[in-house]
């Protein structure tokens, strides 16, 4: 028997699928299963049970050597699991439903990333450079913009309302920079000229995972960074807009902050494009904060750091 699991979508989905894949490995010792990940196969490097079973979708010969020998091909789609879109299951649990046909998720482990010694050393060097430049004791990695963010002239817009507004991001990092070293996690196109408070560098996602691991704390939105932080056991705060905590993040682990009295609607991604668009209209203001909101977010981040980071 050879099952092939095809994992597609964003990088966070790849990390969230790892616990269910490890569970499948444990429960199906006779299945010589393979994993094909569209773009994010490197996240499984270093995991003994999964590394040698994992291929990029762009690997030469993957059709002849992997798919052609399959007895079953499974493409898990957690967004189409009713328990997920009804806010009853997390992303990892929905993958467990799809991969393991599970109703009991008590044996599902947390996300996992395994770093190499070289990655850890390179990240430690980055943190040393940041500390030398910013001269604070503790270091925060902050990811203010999600996957749906785009540059529109001189502004950054996220039609799905998962990213911080630029003005709110600048207010927040200005406050945080008084007490902490700050590293901006984002693509170069999202470098904001007004952001003179954070250390900036370009790195691949594995290197970013190592930098998060070497830092003291993570602040982010609904994007890949918070999945990395959870997989590496790093404390953090996740600021949510249009999405729901039980679905996309780890409310039993992170501090979750949202705008007070937010009215939002689930966006049925990968189910209905029009309904997604209509939900985005309802959710359009979910990530707009007042000055007092930003002050509250800042204070709650500081309190969480003082409680969790020694």
C-alpha atoms as a PDB file:
ATOM      1  CA  UNK A   1       0.000   0.000   0.000  1.00  0.00           C
ATOM      2  CA  UNK A   2       1.283   3.450  -0.876  1.00  0.00           C
ATOM      3  CA  UNK A   3      -0.847   6.482  -0.096  1.00  0.00           C
ATOM      4  CA  UNK A   4       0.255   9.847  -1.449  1.00  0.00           C
ATOM      5  CA  UNK A   5      -0.817  12.911   0.514  1.00  0.00           C
ATOM      6  CA  UNK A   6      -0.793  16.118  -1.517  1.00  0.00           C
ATOM      7  CA  UNK A   7      -0.603  19.183   0.746  1.00  0.00           C
ATOM      8  CA  UNK A   8      -1.212  22.504  -0.965  1.00  0.00           C
ATOM      9  CA  UNK A   9      -1.984  26.073   0.046  1.00  0.00           C
ATOM     10  CA  UNK A  10      -0.026  28.456   2.237  1.00  0.00           C
ATOM     11  CA  UNK A  11       3.035  27.749   4.347  1.00  0.00           C
ATOM     12  CA  UNK A  12       1.028  27.776   7.565  1.00  0.00           C
ATOM     13  CA  UNK A  13      -1.102  24.930   6.253  1.00  0.00           C
ATOM     14  CA  UNK A  14       2.004  22.833   5.644  1.00  0.00           C
ATOM     15  CA  UNK A  15       3.133  23.276   9.257  1.00  0.00           C
ATOM     16  CA  UNK A  16      -0.374  22.634  10.591  1.00  0.00           C
ATOM     17  CA  UNK A  17      -0.538  19.338   8.652  1.00  0.00           C
ATOM     18  CA  UNK A  18       2.587  17.914  10.329  1.00  0.00           C
ATOM     19  CA  UNK A  19       0.894  16.590  13.519  1.00  0.00           C
ATOM     20  CA  UNK A  20      -1.698  14.649  11.497  1.00  0.00           C
ATOM     21  CA  UNK A  21       1.004  13.235   9.207  1.00  0.00           C
ATOM     22  CA  UNK A  22       3.031  12.081  12.222  1.00  0.00           C
ATOM     23  CA  UNK A  23      -0.104  10.481  13.652  1.00  0.00           C
ATOM     24  CA  UNK A  24      -0.715   8.687  10.341  1.00  0.00           C
ATOM     25  CA  UNK A  25       2.862   7.385  10.384  1.00  0.00           C
ATOM     26  CA  UNK A  26       2.376   5.996  13.882  1.00  0.00           C
ATOM     27  CA  UNK A  27      -0.981   4.361  13.142  1.00  0.00           C
ATOM     28  CA  UNK A  28      -0.197   2.944   9.691  1.00  0.00           C
ATOM     29  CA  UNK A  29       3.186   1.189   9.873  1.00  0.00           C
ATOM     30  CA  UNK A  30       2.490  -0.924   6.762  1.00  0.00           C
ATOM     31  CA  UNK A  31       1.757   2.028   4.483  1.00  0.00           C
ATOM     32  CA  UNK A  32       4.817   3.212   2.557  1.00  0.00           C
ATOM     33  CA  UNK A  33       3.121   6.593   2.222  1.00  0.00           C
ATOM     34  CA  UNK A  34       4.578   9.657   0.517  1.00  0.00           C
ATOM     35  CA  UNK A  35       3.952  13.365   0.916  1.00  0.00           C
ATOM     36  CA  UNK A  36       3.988  15.900  -1.897  1.00  0.00           C
ATOM     37  CA  UNK A  37       3.931  19.524  -0.728  1.00  0.00           C
ATOM     38  CA  UNK A  38       3.437  22.322  -3.187  1.00  0.00           C
ATOM     39  CA  UNK A  39       6.185  24.779  -2.258  1.00  0.00           C
ATOM     40  CA  UNK A  40       6.839  24.117   1.419  1.00  0.00           C
ATOM     41  CA  UNK A  41       8.455  20.670   1.599  1.00  0.00           C
ATOM     42  CA  UNK A  42      11.469  22.116   3.451  1.00  0.00           C
ATOM     43  CA  UNK A  43       9.380  22.449   6.610  1.00  0.00           C
ATOM     44  CA  UNK A  44       9.488  18.666   6.970  1.00  0.00           C
ATOM     45  CA  UNK A  45      13.276  18.483   6.715  1.00  0.00           C
ATOM     46  CA  UNK A  46      14.830  17.114   9.886  1.00  0.00           C
ATOM     47  CA  UNK A  47      11.728  15.208  11.021  1.00  0.00           C
ATOM     48  CA  UNK A  48      12.917  11.550  10.882  1.00  0.00           C
ATOM     49  CA  UNK A  49       9.473  10.043  10.288  1.00  0.00           C
ATOM     50  CA  UNK A  50       8.635  12.384   7.409  1.00  0.00           C
ATOM     51  CA  UNK A  51      11.737  13.809   5.730  1.00  0.00           C
ATOM     52  CA  UNK A  52      12.502  10.926   3.367  1.00  0.00           C
ATOM     53  CA  UNK A  53       8.836  10.550   2.449  1.00  0.00           C
ATOM     54  CA  UNK A  54       8.451  14.172   1.386  1.00  0.00           C
ATOM     55  CA  UNK A  55       8.803  15.659  -2.097  1.00  0.00           C
ATOM     56  CA  UNK A  56       8.283  19.030  -3.660  1.00  0.00           C
ATOM     57  CA  UNK A  57       5.601  19.122  -6.309  1.00  0.00           C
ATOM     58  CA  UNK A  58       8.278  20.431  -8.681  1.00  0.00           C
ATOM     59  CA  UNK A  59      10.681  17.506  -8.161  1.00  0.00           C
ATOM     60  CA  UNK A  60      11.769  16.004 -11.460  1.00  0.00           C
ATOM     61  CA  UNK A  61      10.269  12.543 -11.859  1.00  0.00           C
ATOM     62  CA  UNK A  62       7.743  12.950  -9.046  1.00  0.00           C
ATOM     63  CA  UNK A  63       4.976  11.660 -11.298  1.00  0.00           C
ATOM     64  CA  UNK A  64       6.756   8.474 -12.384  1.00  0.00           C
ATOM     65  CA  UNK A  65       8.403   7.728  -9.052  1.00  0.00           C
ATOM     66  CA  UNK A  66       5.715   8.786  -6.578  1.00  0.00           C
ATOM     67  CA  UNK A  67       2.267   9.286  -8.070  1.00  0.00           C
ATOM     68  CA  UNK A  68       2.439   6.419 -10.570  1.00  0.00           C
ATOM     69  CA  UNK A  69       3.122   3.922  -7.767  1.00  0.00           C
ATOM     70  CA  UNK A  70       0.323   5.179  -5.534  1.00  0.00           C
ATOM     71  CA  UNK A  71      -2.573   2.968  -4.515  1.00  0.00           C
ATOM     72  CA  UNK A  72      -4.423   6.022  -3.160  1.00  0.00           C
ATOM     73  CA  UNK A  73      -3.981   9.763  -3.579  1.00  0.00           C
ATOM     74  CA  UNK A  74      -5.417  12.053  -0.891  1.00  0.00           C
ATOM     75  CA  UNK A  75      -5.544  15.848  -1.121  1.00  0.00           C
ATOM     76  CA  UNK A  76      -6.661  17.005   2.344  1.00  0.00           C
ATOM     77  CA  UNK A  77      -8.778  20.156   2.331  1.00  0.00           C
ATOM     78  CA  UNK A  78      -9.345  21.319   5.920  1.00  0.00           C
ATOM     79  CA  UNK A  79     -11.352  24.364   4.843  1.00  0.00           C
ATOM     80  CA  UNK A  80     -14.095  21.998   3.632  1.00  0.00           C
ATOM     81  CA  UNK A  81     -14.397  20.140   6.931  1.00  0.00           C
ATOM     82  CA  UNK A  82     -17.716  21.244   8.513  1.00  0.00           C
ATOM     83  CA  UNK A  83     -16.245  21.312  12.005  1.00  0.00           C
ATOM     84  CA  UNK A  84     -13.645  23.774  10.755  1.00  0.00           C
ATOM     85  CA  UNK A  85     -15.907  26.327   9.104  1.00  0.00           C
ATOM     86  CA  UNK A  86     -18.342  26.069  12.039  1.00  0.00           C
ATOM     87  CA  UNK A  87     -15.514  27.137  14.398  1.00  0.00           C
ATOM     88  CA  UNK A  88     -15.369  23.790  16.183  1.00  0.00           C
ATOM     89  CA  UNK A  89     -11.933  22.626  15.002  1.00  0.00           C
ATOM     90  CA  UNK A  90      -8.461  24.047  14.534  1.00  0.00           C
ATOM     91  CA  UNK A  91      -6.571  23.807  11.267  1.00  0.00           C
ATOM     92  CA  UNK A  92      -4.446  20.961  12.666  1.00  0.00           C
ATOM     93  CA  UNK A  93      -7.552  19.093  13.840  1.00  0.00           C
ATOM     94  CA  UNK A  94      -9.223  19.521  10.456  1.00  0.00           C
ATOM     95  CA  UNK A  95      -6.136  17.995   8.838  1.00  0.00           C
ATOM     96  CA  UNK A  96      -6.492  15.140  11.336  1.00  0.00           C
ATOM     97  CA  UNK A  97     -10.051  14.584  10.103  1.00  0.00           C
ATOM     98  CA  UNK A  98      -8.918  14.541   6.475  1.00  0.00           C
ATOM     99  CA  UNK A  99      -5.732  12.495   6.888  1.00  0.00           C
ATOM    100  CA  UNK A 100      -6.696  10.087   9.685  1.00  0.00           C
ATOM    101  CA  UNK A 101     -10.499  10.131   9.501  1.00  0.00           C
ATOM    102  CA  UNK A 102     -10.266  11.105  13.179  1.00  0.00           C
ATOM    103  CA  UNK A 103     -12.958  12.254  15.557  1.00  0.00           C
ATOM    104  CA  UNK A 104     -10.703  12.103  18.624  1.00  0.00           C
ATOM    105  CA  UNK A 105      -7.858  14.634  18.465  1.00  0.00           C
ATOM    106  CA  UNK A 106      -6.532  14.105  21.988  1.00  0.00           C
ATOM    107  CA  UNK A 107      -3.556  12.176  20.592  1.00  0.00           C
ATOM    108  CA  UNK A 108      -2.642  14.935  18.137  1.00  0.00           C
ATOM    109  CA  UNK A 109       0.685  16.535  18.982  1.00  0.00           C
ATOM    110  CA  UNK A 110       1.638  20.191  18.508  1.00  0.00           C
ATOM    111  CA  UNK A 111       3.206  21.454  15.276  1.00  0.00           C
ATOM    112  CA  UNK A 112       6.877  20.581  14.901  1.00  0.00           C
ATOM    113  CA  UNK A 113       9.880  22.087  13.145  1.00  0.00           C
ATOM    114  CA  UNK A 114      13.402  20.706  13.498  1.00  0.00           C
ATOM    115  CA  UNK A 115      16.274  23.135  12.970  1.00  0.00           C
ATOM    116  CA  UNK A 116      19.845  22.252  12.030  1.00  0.00           C
ATOM    117  CA  UNK A 117      22.870  23.388  14.044  1.00  0.00           C
ATOM    118  CA  UNK A 118      23.908  25.636  11.160  1.00  0.00           C
ATOM    119  CA  UNK A 119      20.494  27.309  11.069  1.00  0.00           C
ATOM    120  CA  UNK A 120      20.619  27.837  14.829  1.00  0.00           C
ATOM    121  CA  UNK A 121      24.114  29.342  14.620  1.00  0.00           C
ATOM    122  CA  UNK A 122      23.212  31.676  11.758  1.00  0.00           C
ATOM    123  CA  UNK A 123      20.132  32.843  13.637  1.00  0.00           C
ATOM    124  CA  UNK A 124      22.148  33.439  16.802  1.00  0.00           C
ATOM    125  CA  UNK A 125      24.471  35.665  14.743  1.00  0.00           C
ATOM    126  CA  UNK A 126      21.475  37.674  13.514  1.00  0.00           C
ATOM    127  CA  UNK A 127      20.234  38.174  17.065  1.00  0.00           C
ATOM    128  CA  UNK A 128      23.726  39.281  18.143  1.00  0.00           C
ATOM    129  CA  UNK A 129      23.777  41.879  15.343  1.00  0.00           C
ATOM    130  CA  UNK A 130      20.339  43.139  16.359  1.00  0.00           C
ATOM    131  CA  UNK A 131      21.343  43.461  20.008  1.00  0.00           C
ATOM    132  CA  UNK A 132      24.526  45.303  19.057  1.00  0.00           C
ATOM    133  CA  UNK A 133      22.485  47.761  17.008  1.00  0.00           C
ATOM    134  CA  UNK A 134      19.426  48.270  19.231  1.00  0.00           C
ATOM    135  CA  UNK A 135      20.997  47.711  22.674  1.00  0.00           C
ATOM    136  CA  UNK A 136      18.020  46.100  24.426  1.00  0.00           C
ATOM    137  CA  UNK A 137      17.966  42.883  26.459  1.00  0.00           C
ATOM    138  CA  UNK A 138      14.988  41.117  24.864  1.00  0.00           C
ATOM    139  CA  UNK A 139      14.232  40.634  21.185  1.00  0.00           C
ATOM    140  CA  UNK A 140      10.847  40.431  19.453  1.00  0.00           C
ATOM    141  CA  UNK A 141      10.191  39.195  15.924  1.00  0.00           C
ATOM    142  CA  UNK A 142       7.119  40.955  14.537  1.00  0.00           C
ATOM    143  CA  UNK A 143       5.142  39.935  11.445  1.00  0.00           C
ATOM    144  CA  UNK A 144       2.515  42.638  10.828  1.00  0.00           C
ATOM    145  CA  UNK A 145       1.356  41.658   7.341  1.00  0.00           C
ATOM    146  CA  UNK A 146      -0.243  38.398   6.243  1.00  0.00           C
ATOM    147  CA  UNK A 147      -0.099  36.456   3.013  1.00  0.00           C
ATOM    148  CA  UNK A 148      -2.951  38.447   1.460  1.00  0.00           C
ATOM    149  CA  UNK A 149      -1.208  41.797   1.878  1.00  0.00           C
ATOM    150  CA  UNK A 150      -0.265  43.715  -1.253  1.00  0.00           C
ATOM    151  CA  UNK A 151       1.396  47.017  -2.059  1.00  0.00           C
ATOM    152  CA  UNK A 152      -0.928  49.615  -3.572  1.00  0.00           C
ATOM    153  CA  UNK A 153       1.072  52.697  -4.510  1.00  0.00           C
ATOM    154  CA  UNK A 154       2.422  53.916  -1.161  1.00  0.00           C
ATOM    155  CA  UNK A 155       0.154  51.818   1.025  1.00  0.00           C
ATOM    156  CA  UNK A 156      -0.179  48.163   2.056  1.00  0.00           C
ATOM    157  CA  UNK A 157      -3.647  46.690   1.716  1.00  0.00           C
ATOM    158  CA  UNK A 158      -5.048  43.338   2.789  1.00  0.00           C
ATOM    159  CA  UNK A 159      -8.486  42.765   1.280  1.00  0.00           C
ATOM    160  CA  UNK A 160      -9.070  39.877   3.722  1.00  0.00           C
ATOM    161  CA  UNK A 161      -8.349  42.098   6.765  1.00  0.00           C
ATOM    162  CA  UNK A 162      -5.721  39.822   8.313  1.00  0.00           C
ATOM    163  CA  UNK A 163      -2.878  42.368   8.347  1.00  0.00           C
ATOM    164  CA  UNK A 164      -2.256  45.383  10.548  1.00  0.00           C
ATOM    165  CA  UNK A 165      -2.880  48.786   9.054  1.00  0.00           C
ATOM    166  CA  UNK A 166       0.444  50.530   8.363  1.00  0.00           C
ATOM    167  CA  UNK A 167      -0.388  53.448  10.678  1.00  0.00           C
ATOM    168  CA  UNK A 168      -1.238  51.053  13.520  1.00  0.00           C
ATOM    169  CA  UNK A 169       1.884  48.991  12.931  1.00  0.00           C
ATOM    170  CA  UNK A 170       4.091  52.091  13.148  1.00  0.00           C
ATOM    171  CA  UNK A 171       2.411  53.220  16.372  1.00  0.00           C
ATOM    172  CA  UNK A 172       2.889  49.782  17.909  1.00  0.00           C
ATOM    173  CA  UNK A 173       6.551  49.299  16.970  1.00  0.00           C
ATOM    174  CA  UNK A 174       7.400  52.822  18.098  1.00  0.00           C
ATOM    175  CA  UNK A 175       6.106  51.922  21.555  1.00  0.00           C
ATOM    176  CA  UNK A 176       7.709  48.471  21.638  1.00  0.00           C
ATOM    177  CA  UNK A 177      11.088  49.786  20.484  1.00  0.00           C
ATOM    178  CA  UNK A 178      11.573  51.667  23.755  1.00  0.00           C
ATOM    179  CA  UNK A 179      11.891  48.380  25.682  1.00  0.00           C
ATOM    180  CA  UNK A 180      12.777  45.726  23.098  1.00  0.00           C
ATOM    181  CA  UNK A 181      14.934  44.917  20.094  1.00  0.00           C
ATOM    182  CA  UNK A 182      12.628  44.464  17.092  1.00  0.00           C
ATOM    183  CA  UNK A 183      13.063  42.385  13.924  1.00  0.00           C
ATOM    184  CA  UNK A 184      10.658  42.914  11.031  1.00  0.00           C
ATOM    185  CA  UNK A 185       9.485  39.630   9.478  1.00  0.00           C
ATOM    186  CA  UNK A 186       8.249  40.319   5.968  1.00  0.00           C
ATOM    187  CA  UNK A 187       9.196  40.575   2.335  1.00  0.00           C
ATOM    188  CA  UNK A 188      11.264  43.515   1.152  1.00  0.00           C
ATOM    189  CA  UNK A 189       8.305  45.005  -0.709  1.00  0.00           C
ATOM    190  CA  UNK A 190       6.602  45.540   2.665  1.00  0.00           C
ATOM    191  CA  UNK A 191       9.414  47.618   4.162  1.00  0.00           C
ATOM    192  CA  UNK A 192       7.676  50.785   5.341  1.00  0.00           C
ATOM    193  CA  UNK A 193       9.769  53.982   5.100  1.00  0.00           C
ATOM    194  CA  UNK A 194       8.329  55.259   8.393  1.00  0.00           C
ATOM    195  CA  UNK A 195       9.518  52.107  10.141  1.00  0.00           C
ATOM    196  CA  UNK A 196      12.853  53.170  11.567  1.00  0.00           C
ATOM    197  CA  UNK A 197      12.356  50.978  14.626  1.00  0.00           C
ATOM    198  CA  UNK A 198      13.010  47.446  13.362  1.00  0.00           C
ATOM    199  CA  UNK A 199      15.977  45.466  12.076  1.00  0.00           C
ATOM    200  CA  UNK A 200      15.368  44.247   8.525  1.00  0.00           C
ATOM    201  CA  UNK A 201      16.855  41.355   6.595  1.00  0.00           C
ATOM    202  CA  UNK A 202      15.930  38.937   3.838  1.00  0.00           C
ATOM    203  CA  UNK A 203      15.854  35.221   4.593  1.00  0.00           C
ATOM    204  CA  UNK A 204      14.093  32.061   3.487  1.00  0.00           C
ATOM    205  CA  UNK A 205      11.358  30.639   5.680  1.00  0.00           C
ATOM    206  CA  UNK A 206      13.571  28.067   7.394  1.00  0.00           C
ATOM    207  CA  UNK A 207      15.949  30.828   8.379  1.00  0.00           C
ATOM    208  CA  UNK A 208      13.024  32.888   9.659  1.00  0.00           C
ATOM    209  CA  UNK A 209      11.989  29.920  11.787  1.00  0.00           C
ATOM    210  CA  UNK A 210      15.484  29.815  13.268  1.00  0.00           C
ATOM    211  CA  UNK A 211      15.421  33.574  13.957  1.00  0.00           C
ATOM    212  CA  UNK A 212      12.072  33.229  15.736  1.00  0.00           C
ATOM    213  CA  UNK A 213      13.531  30.352  17.742  1.00  0.00           C
ATOM    214  CA  UNK A 214      16.545  32.460  18.764  1.00  0.00           C
ATOM    215  CA  UNK A 215      14.426  35.477  19.722  1.00  0.00           C
ATOM    216  CA  UNK A 216      12.584  35.936  23.007  1.00  0.00           C
ATOM    217  CA  UNK A 217       9.055  36.576  21.777  1.00  0.00           C
ATOM    218  CA  UNK A 218       6.881  36.696  18.660  1.00  0.00           C
ATOM    219  CA  UNK A 219       4.177  39.174  17.669  1.00  0.00           C
ATOM    220  CA  UNK A 220       2.189  38.468  14.543  1.00  0.00           C
ATOM    221  CA  UNK A 221      -1.059  38.145  12.673  1.00  0.00           C
ATOM    222  CA  UNK A 222      -2.816  35.237  10.969  1.00  0.00           C
ATOM    223  CA  UNK A 223       0.170  34.132   8.899  1.00  0.00           C
ATOM    224  CA  UNK A 224       3.018  31.627   8.841  1.00  0.00           C
ATOM    225  CA  UNK A 225       5.121  33.198  11.586  1.00  0.00           C
ATOM    226  CA  UNK A 226       2.747  32.246  14.371  1.00  0.00           C
ATOM    227  CA  UNK A 227       2.722  28.609  13.167  1.00  0.00           C
ATOM    228  CA  UNK A 228       6.519  28.653  13.284  1.00  0.00           C
ATOM    229  CA  UNK A 229       6.531  30.165  16.769  1.00  0.00           C
ATOM    230  CA  UNK A 230       4.131  27.513  18.049  1.00  0.00           C
ATOM    231  CA  UNK A 231       6.121  24.705  16.433  1.00  0.00           C
ATOM    232  CA  UNK A 232       9.263  25.984  18.163  1.00  0.00           C
ATOM    233  CA  UNK A 233       7.673  26.608  21.550  1.00  0.00           C
ATOM    234  CA  UNK A 234       8.139  30.375  21.403  1.00  0.00           C
ATOM    235  CA  UNK A 235       5.693  32.548  23.398  1.00  0.00           C
ATOM    236  CA  UNK A 236       3.839  35.243  21.538  1.00  0.00           C
ATOM    237  CA  UNK A 237       0.857  37.425  20.809  1.00  0.00           C
ATOM    238  CA  UNK A 238      -1.333  36.980  17.740  1.00  0.00           C
ATOM    239  CA  UNK A 239      -3.461  39.938  16.644  1.00  0.00           C
ATOM    240  CA  UNK A 240      -6.517  38.722  14.773  1.00  0.00           C
ATOM    241  CA  UNK A 241      -8.786  40.488  12.322  1.00  0.00           C
ATOM    242  CA  UNK A 242     -11.255  38.646  10.117  1.00  0.00           C
ATOM    243  CA  UNK A 243     -10.376  35.075  11.080  1.00  0.00           C
ATOM    244  CA  UNK A 244     -11.330  33.044  14.146  1.00  0.00           C
ATOM    245  CA  UNK A 245      -8.855  31.998  16.828  1.00  0.00           C
ATOM    246  CA  UNK A 246     -10.003  28.391  17.113  1.00  0.00           C
ATOM    247  CA  UNK A 247      -9.456  27.944  13.366  1.00  0.00           C
ATOM    248  CA  UNK A 248      -6.201  29.646  12.536  1.00  0.00           C
ATOM    249  CA  UNK A 249      -4.093  29.952  15.664  1.00  0.00           C
ATOM    250  CA  UNK A 250      -3.437  28.418  19.094  1.00  0.00           C
ATOM    251  CA  UNK A 251      -5.580  30.127  21.762  1.00  0.00           C
ATOM    252  CA  UNK A 252      -4.461  27.600  24.378  1.00  0.00           C
ATOM    253  CA  UNK A 253      -0.862  28.726  23.831  1.00  0.00           C
ATOM    254  CA  UNK A 254      -0.657  32.316  22.522  1.00  0.00           C
ATOM    255  CA  UNK A 255      -2.132  35.530  23.810  1.00  0.00           C
ATOM    256  CA  UNK A 256      -4.857  36.362  21.269  1.00  0.00           C
ATOM    257  CA  UNK A 257      -5.854  40.014  20.822  1.00  0.00           C
ATOM    258  CA  UNK A 258      -8.779  41.299  18.768  1.00  0.00           C
ATOM    259  CA  UNK A 259     -10.639  44.566  18.428  1.00  0.00           C
ATOM    260  CA  UNK A 260     -13.412  44.873  21.010  1.00  0.00           C
ATOM    261  CA  UNK A 261     -16.978  44.164  19.835  1.00  0.00           C
ATOM    262  CA  UNK A 262     -15.821  43.100  16.388  1.00  0.00           C
ATOM    263  CA  UNK A 263     -18.610  41.813  14.156  1.00  0.00           C
ATOM    264  CA  UNK A 264     -17.108  39.424  11.648  1.00  0.00           C
ATOM    265  CA  UNK A 265     -18.211  36.695   9.306  1.00  0.00           C
ATOM    266  CA  UNK A 266     -16.440  33.486   8.331  1.00  0.00           C
ATOM    267  CA  UNK A 267     -14.961  33.730   4.838  1.00  0.00           C
ATOM    268  CA  UNK A 268     -15.545  30.366   3.084  1.00  0.00           C
ATOM    269  CA  UNK A 269     -12.236  30.163   1.263  1.00  0.00           C
ATOM    270  CA  UNK A 270     -11.941  27.223  -1.173  1.00  0.00           C
ATOM    271  CA  UNK A 271     -15.713  26.810  -1.028  1.00  0.00           C
ATOM    272  CA  UNK A 272     -17.302  29.911  -2.549  1.00  0.00           C
ATOM    273  CA  UNK A 273     -15.474  32.816  -4.130  1.00  0.00           C
ATOM    274  CA  UNK A 274     -18.448  35.161  -4.079  1.00  0.00           C
ATOM    275  CA  UNK A 275     -19.272  34.417  -0.456  1.00  0.00           C
ATOM    276  CA  UNK A 276     -15.604  35.061   0.405  1.00  0.00           C
ATOM    277  CA  UNK A 277     -15.846  38.465  -1.243  1.00  0.00           C
ATOM    278  CA  UNK A 278     -19.073  39.299   0.581  1.00  0.00           C
ATOM    279  CA  UNK A 279     -17.600  38.181   3.932  1.00  0.00           C
ATOM    280  CA  UNK A 280     -14.538  40.346   3.284  1.00  0.00           C
ATOM    281  CA  UNK A 281     -16.865  43.339   2.959  1.00  0.00           C
ATOM    282  CA  UNK A 282     -18.414  42.618   6.351  1.00  0.00           C
ATOM    283  CA  UNK A 283     -14.936  42.133   7.846  1.00  0.00           C
ATOM    284  CA  UNK A 284     -13.461  45.212   6.189  1.00  0.00           C
ATOM    285  CA  UNK A 285     -12.768  47.154   9.418  1.00  0.00           C
ATOM    286  CA  UNK A 286     -11.660  44.255  11.638  1.00  0.00           C
ATOM    287  CA  UNK A 287      -8.040  45.395  11.706  1.00  0.00           C
ATOM    288  CA  UNK A 288      -8.582  49.110  12.252  1.00  0.00           C
ATOM    289  CA  UNK A 289      -7.542  50.173  15.755  1.00  0.00           C
ATOM    290  CA  UNK A 290      -7.835  53.422  17.690  1.00  0.00           C
ATOM    291  CA  UNK A 291      -4.927  54.976  19.552  1.00  0.00           C
ATOM    292  CA  UNK A 292      -6.321  53.598  22.795  1.00  0.00           C
ATOM    293  CA  UNK A 293      -6.576  50.138  21.185  1.00  0.00           C
ATOM    294  CA  UNK A 294      -2.894  50.277  20.220  1.00  0.00           C
ATOM    295  CA  UNK A 295      -1.966  51.399  23.735  1.00  0.00           C
ATOM    296  CA  UNK A 296      -3.927  48.446  25.134  1.00  0.00           C
ATOM    297  CA  UNK A 297      -2.287  46.007  22.701  1.00  0.00           C
ATOM    298  CA  UNK A 298       1.134  47.358  23.672  1.00  0.00           C
ATOM    299  CA  UNK A 299       0.465  47.002  27.397  1.00  0.00           C
ATOM    300  CA  UNK A 300      -0.878  43.460  27.008  1.00  0.00           C
ATOM    301  CA  UNK A 301       2.175  42.420  24.973  1.00  0.00           C
ATOM    302  CA  UNK A 302       4.493  43.851  27.637  1.00  0.00           C
ATOM    303  CA  UNK A 303       2.582  42.086  30.411  1.00  0.00           C
ATOM    304  CA  UNK A 304       2.736  38.783  28.536  1.00  0.00           C
ATOM    305  CA  UNK A 305       6.474  39.141  27.943  1.00  0.00           C
ATOM    306  CA  UNK A 306       7.099  39.936  31.608  1.00  0.00           C
ATOM    307  CA  UNK A 307       5.103  36.854  32.587  1.00  0.00           C
ATOM    308  CA  UNK A 308       6.588  34.382  30.083  1.00  0.00           C
ATOM    309  CA  UNK A 309      10.103  35.595  29.225  1.00  0.00           C
ATOM    310  CA  UNK A 310      12.756  35.520  31.936  1.00  0.00           C
END
